[in-house]
Amino acid sequence: MASFMRNYSAQTYALMRIVTGFLFLWHGMSKLFGFPTPPPAEAPAFILYTAGPIELIGGALVMVGLFTRWAAFICSGTMAVAYWMAHGMNALLPVQNQGELAALYCFVFLYIAARGAGIWSVDGE
C-alpha cells in the first residue's frame, strides 16, 4: 500500500463496508417495496421474497456493523447464487453476461466476512 494511505487503512476499510452495505440494502428496498425503482419485471416472486430481505437486512447489518461476519457471509452466498442463476450460464466472462456487480458483491462480502466489522461499527471489533 502507498505509504500515504497506510495510516488510513482502518478508516478506508470501514468506509468500504459502510458504502457496500448501504448500496446493497437499496437492492432489497427495490425488490420488496419497488422504491426507488421497481424490481425487474422478469424476476420470479420467490427471488424477490428471498433475496429482497437478505439484501435489505443484510445490507443494513453490514452497514452499521452488527453481526457483520454472518451477515456478510450470507450476502456473499446470496450473490454467488444470484450470479449463477441469472448470469453465469449466459456467457463465460462477467463482462459478457452482465454479472459483474453480482460477482463483485460476492467477493467484497466474502472479504468483509473474513475481516469483520472493524472500526465505526456496532460490533466494535
C-alpha atoms as a PDB file:
ATOM      1  CA  MET A   1       0.000   0.000   0.000  1.00  0.00           C
ATOM      2  CA  ALA A   2       1.207   3.502  -0.710  1.00  0.00           C
ATOM      3  CA  SER A   3       2.805   4.953   2.380  1.00  0.00           C
ATOM      4  CA  PHE A   4       0.493   7.975   2.451  1.00  0.00           C
ATOM      5  CA  MET A   5      -2.545   5.666   2.818  1.00  0.00           C
ATOM      6  CA  ARG A   6      -1.081   3.224   5.346  1.00  0.00           C
ATOM      7  CA  ASN A   7      -2.271   5.272   8.317  1.00  0.00           C
ATOM      8  CA  TYR A   8      -5.836   5.256   6.994  1.00  0.00           C
ATOM      9  CA  SER A   9      -6.339   1.555   6.221  1.00  0.00           C
ATOM     10  CA  ALA A  10      -8.837   1.026   9.076  1.00  0.00           C
ATOM     11  CA  GLN A  11     -10.891   4.054   8.055  1.00  0.00           C
ATOM     12  CA  THR A  12     -10.792   3.094   4.371  1.00  0.00           C
ATOM     13  CA  TYR A  13     -11.970  -0.429   5.171  1.00  0.00           C
ATOM     14  CA  ALA A  14     -14.794   0.948   7.344  1.00  0.00           C
ATOM     15  CA  LEU A  15     -15.903   3.241   4.514  1.00  0.00           C
ATOM     16  CA  MET A  16     -15.896   0.310   2.082  1.00  0.00           C
ATOM     17  CA  ARG A  17     -18.027  -1.756   4.498  1.00  0.00           C
ATOM     18  CA  ILE A  18     -20.474   1.086   5.126  1.00  0.00           C
ATOM     19  CA  VAL A  19     -20.888   2.057   1.468  1.00  0.00           C
ATOM     20  CA  THR A  20     -21.198  -1.576   0.332  1.00  0.00           C
ATOM     21  CA  GLY A  21     -23.918  -2.246   2.900  1.00  0.00           C
ATOM     22  CA  PHE A  22     -25.692   0.999   2.030  1.00  0.00           C
ATOM     23  CA  LEU A  23     -25.726   0.256  -1.701  1.00  0.00           C
ATOM     24  CA  PHE A  24     -26.789  -3.355  -1.131  1.00  0.00           C
ATOM     25  CA  LEU A  25     -29.749  -2.502   1.076  1.00  0.00           C
ATOM     26  CA  TRP A  26     -31.233  -0.414  -1.750  1.00  0.00           C
ATOM     27  CA  HIS A  27     -31.360  -3.518  -3.928  1.00  0.00           C
ATOM     28  CA  GLY A  28     -33.546  -5.080  -1.225  1.00  0.00           C
ATOM     29  CA  MET A  29     -35.700  -1.952  -0.999  1.00  0.00           C
ATOM     30  CA  SER A  30     -36.247  -2.136  -4.746  1.00  0.00           C
ATOM     31  CA  LYS A  31     -37.212  -5.817  -4.659  1.00  0.00           C
ATOM     32  CA  LEU A  32     -39.508  -5.579  -1.644  1.00  0.00           C
ATOM     33  CA  PHE A  33     -41.057  -2.123  -1.933  1.00  0.00           C
ATOM     34  CA  GLY A  34     -40.412  -1.003  -5.508  1.00  0.00           C
ATOM     35  CA  PHE A  35     -38.535   2.024  -4.217  1.00  0.00           C
ATOM     36  CA  PRO A  36     -36.575   3.856  -5.621  1.00  0.00           C
ATOM     37  CA  THR A  37     -37.032   1.725  -8.754  1.00  0.00           C
ATOM     38  CA  PRO A  38     -39.427  -1.149  -9.438  1.00  0.00           C
ATOM     39  CA  PRO A  39     -37.954  -4.657  -9.451  1.00  0.00           C
ATOM     40  CA  PRO A  40     -37.208  -6.267 -12.815  1.00  0.00           C
ATOM     41  CA  ALA A  41     -40.421  -7.489 -14.420  1.00  0.00           C
ATOM     42  CA  GLU A  42     -38.886 -10.862 -15.280  1.00  0.00           C
ATOM     43  CA  ALA A  43     -37.824 -11.600 -11.677  1.00  0.00           C
ATOM     44  CA  PRO A  44     -39.783 -14.511 -10.176  1.00  0.00           C
ATOM     45  CA  ALA A  45     -41.634 -13.881  -6.911  1.00  0.00           C
ATOM     46  CA  PHE A  46     -39.529 -16.382  -4.966  1.00  0.00           C
ATOM     47  CA  ILE A  47     -36.413 -14.399  -5.895  1.00  0.00           C
ATOM     48  CA  LEU A  48     -37.973 -11.119  -4.822  1.00  0.00           C
ATOM     49  CA  TYR A  49     -39.140 -12.506  -1.481  1.00  0.00           C
ATOM     50  CA  THR A  50     -35.983 -14.439  -0.613  1.00  0.00           C
ATOM     51  CA  ALA A  51     -33.227 -12.199  -1.977  1.00  0.00           C
ATOM     52  CA  GLY A  52     -35.025  -8.959  -1.080  1.00  0.00           C
ATOM     53  CA  PRO A  53     -34.972  -9.438   2.718  1.00  0.00           C
ATOM     54  CA  ILE A  54     -31.406 -10.744   2.625  1.00  0.00           C
ATOM     55  CA  GLU A  55     -30.312  -7.684   0.667  1.00  0.00           C
ATOM     56  CA  LEU A  56     -32.251  -5.231   2.824  1.00  0.00           C
ATOM     57  CA  ILE A  57     -31.469  -6.672   6.259  1.00  0.00           C
ATOM     58  CA  GLY A  58     -28.010  -7.983   5.373  1.00  0.00           C
ATOM     59  CA  GLY A  59     -27.017  -4.682   3.803  1.00  0.00           C
ATOM     60  CA  ALA A  60     -28.237  -2.739   6.834  1.00  0.00           C
ATOM     61  CA  LEU A  61     -26.390  -5.052   9.241  1.00  0.00           C
ATOM     62  CA  VAL A  62     -23.155  -4.798   7.268  1.00  0.00           C
ATOM     63  CA  MET A  63     -23.532  -1.038   7.002  1.00  0.00           C
ATOM     64  CA  VAL A  64     -23.904  -0.483  10.760  1.00  0.00           C
ATOM     65  CA  GLY A  65     -21.507  -3.293  11.631  1.00  0.00           C
ATOM     66  CA  LEU A  66     -23.823  -5.558  13.618  1.00  0.00           C
ATOM     67  CA  PHE A  67     -23.399  -9.356  13.259  1.00  0.00           C
ATOM     68  CA  THR A  68     -21.154  -8.304  10.398  1.00  0.00           C
ATOM     69  CA  ARG A  69     -19.355 -11.574   9.711  1.00  0.00           C
ATOM     70  CA  TRP A  70     -22.555 -13.644   9.499  1.00  0.00           C
ATOM     71  CA  ALA A  71     -24.484 -11.018   7.554  1.00  0.00           C
ATOM     72  CA  ALA A  72     -21.667 -10.551   5.044  1.00  0.00           C
ATOM     73  CA  PHE A  73     -21.235 -14.312   4.643  1.00  0.00           C
ATOM     74  CA  ILE A  74     -24.934 -14.779   3.890  1.00  0.00           C
ATOM     75  CA  CYS A  75     -24.915 -11.814   1.490  1.00  0.00           C
ATOM     76  CA  SER A  76     -21.862 -13.287  -0.250  1.00  0.00           C
ATOM     77  CA  GLY A  77     -23.612 -16.611  -0.722  1.00  0.00           C
ATOM     78  CA  THR A  78     -26.720 -14.888  -1.992  1.00  0.00           C
ATOM     79  CA  MET A  79     -24.686 -13.079  -4.608  1.00  0.00           C
ATOM     80  CA  ALA A  80     -22.917 -16.278  -5.642  1.00  0.00           C
ATOM     81  CA  VAL A  81     -26.305 -17.934  -6.191  1.00  0.00           C
ATOM     82  CA  ALA A  82     -27.610 -14.835  -7.985  1.00  0.00           C
ATOM     83  CA  TYR A  83     -24.600 -14.830 -10.283  1.00  0.00           C
ATOM     84  CA  TRP A  84     -25.069 -18.436 -11.345  1.00  0.00           C
ATOM     85  CA  MET A  85     -28.862 -18.251 -11.599  1.00  0.00           C
ATOM     86  CA  ALA A  86     -29.079 -15.023 -13.577  1.00  0.00           C
ATOM     87  CA  HIS A  87     -25.734 -14.573 -15.327  1.00  0.00           C
ATOM     88  CA  GLY A  88     -23.250 -17.436 -15.172  1.00  0.00           C
ATOM     89  CA  MET A  89     -24.883 -19.697 -17.726  1.00  0.00           C
ATOM     90  CA  ASN A  90     -25.271 -16.956 -20.358  1.00  0.00           C
ATOM     91  CA  ALA A  91     -21.576 -16.452 -21.168  1.00  0.00           C
ATOM     92  CA  LEU A  92     -18.158 -17.255 -19.720  1.00  0.00           C
ATOM     93  CA  LEU A  93     -16.992 -13.855 -18.515  1.00  0.00           C
ATOM     94  CA  PRO A  94     -18.888 -11.467 -16.210  1.00  0.00           C
ATOM     95  CA  VAL A  95     -18.336  -8.618 -18.655  1.00  0.00           C
ATOM     96  CA  GLN A  96     -20.148 -10.697 -21.278  1.00  0.00           C
ATOM     97  CA  ASN A  97     -23.024 -11.947 -19.101  1.00  0.00           C
ATOM     98  CA  GLN A  98     -23.577  -8.670 -17.180  1.00  0.00           C
ATOM     99  CA  GLY A  99     -22.789 -10.365 -13.891  1.00  0.00           C
ATOM    100  CA  GLU A 100     -20.001  -8.021 -12.810  1.00  0.00           C
ATOM    101  CA  LEU A 101     -21.959  -6.427  -9.972  1.00  0.00           C
ATOM    102  CA  ALA A 102     -23.068  -9.778  -8.536  1.00  0.00           C
ATOM    103  CA  ALA A 103     -19.517 -11.156  -8.726  1.00  0.00           C
ATOM    104  CA  LEU A 104     -18.048  -8.039  -7.148  1.00  0.00           C
ATOM    105  CA  TYR A 105     -20.609  -8.007  -4.321  1.00  0.00           C
ATOM    106  CA  CYS A 106     -19.951 -11.717  -3.720  1.00  0.00           C
ATOM    107  CA  PHE A 107     -16.226 -11.232  -3.182  1.00  0.00           C
ATOM    108  CA  VAL A 108     -16.455  -7.924  -1.312  1.00  0.00           C
ATOM    109  CA  PHE A 109     -18.900  -9.506   1.141  1.00  0.00           C
ATOM    110  CA  LEU A 110     -16.642 -12.547   1.446  1.00  0.00           C
ATOM    111  CA  TYR A 111     -13.753 -10.233   2.358  1.00  0.00           C
ATOM    112  CA  ILE A 112     -15.913  -8.406   4.905  1.00  0.00           C
ATOM    113  CA  ALA A 113     -16.964 -11.763   6.392  1.00  0.00           C
ATOM    114  CA  ALA A 114     -13.316 -12.747   6.772  1.00  0.00           C
ATOM    115  CA  ARG A 115     -12.122  -9.417   8.167  1.00  0.00           C
ATOM    116  CA  GLY A 116     -15.060  -8.500  10.407  1.00  0.00           C
ATOM    117  CA  ALA A 117     -16.664  -5.184  11.231  1.00  0.00           C
ATOM    118  CA  GLY A 118     -13.627  -3.093  12.047  1.00  0.00           C
ATOM    119  CA  ILE A 119     -13.928   0.445  13.381  1.00  0.00           C
ATOM    120  CA  TRP A 120     -17.077   2.575  13.221  1.00  0.00           C
ATOM    121  CA  SER A 121     -19.308  -0.406  13.897  1.00  0.00           C
ATOM    122  CA  VAL A 122     -21.803  -1.574  16.498  1.00  0.00           C
ATOM    123  CA  ASP A 123     -19.803  -4.795  16.927  1.00  0.00           C
ATOM    124  CA  GLY A 124     -16.712  -2.675  17.561  1.00  0.00           C
ATOM    125  CA  GLU A 125     -14.218  -5.350  16.557  1.00  0.00           C
END
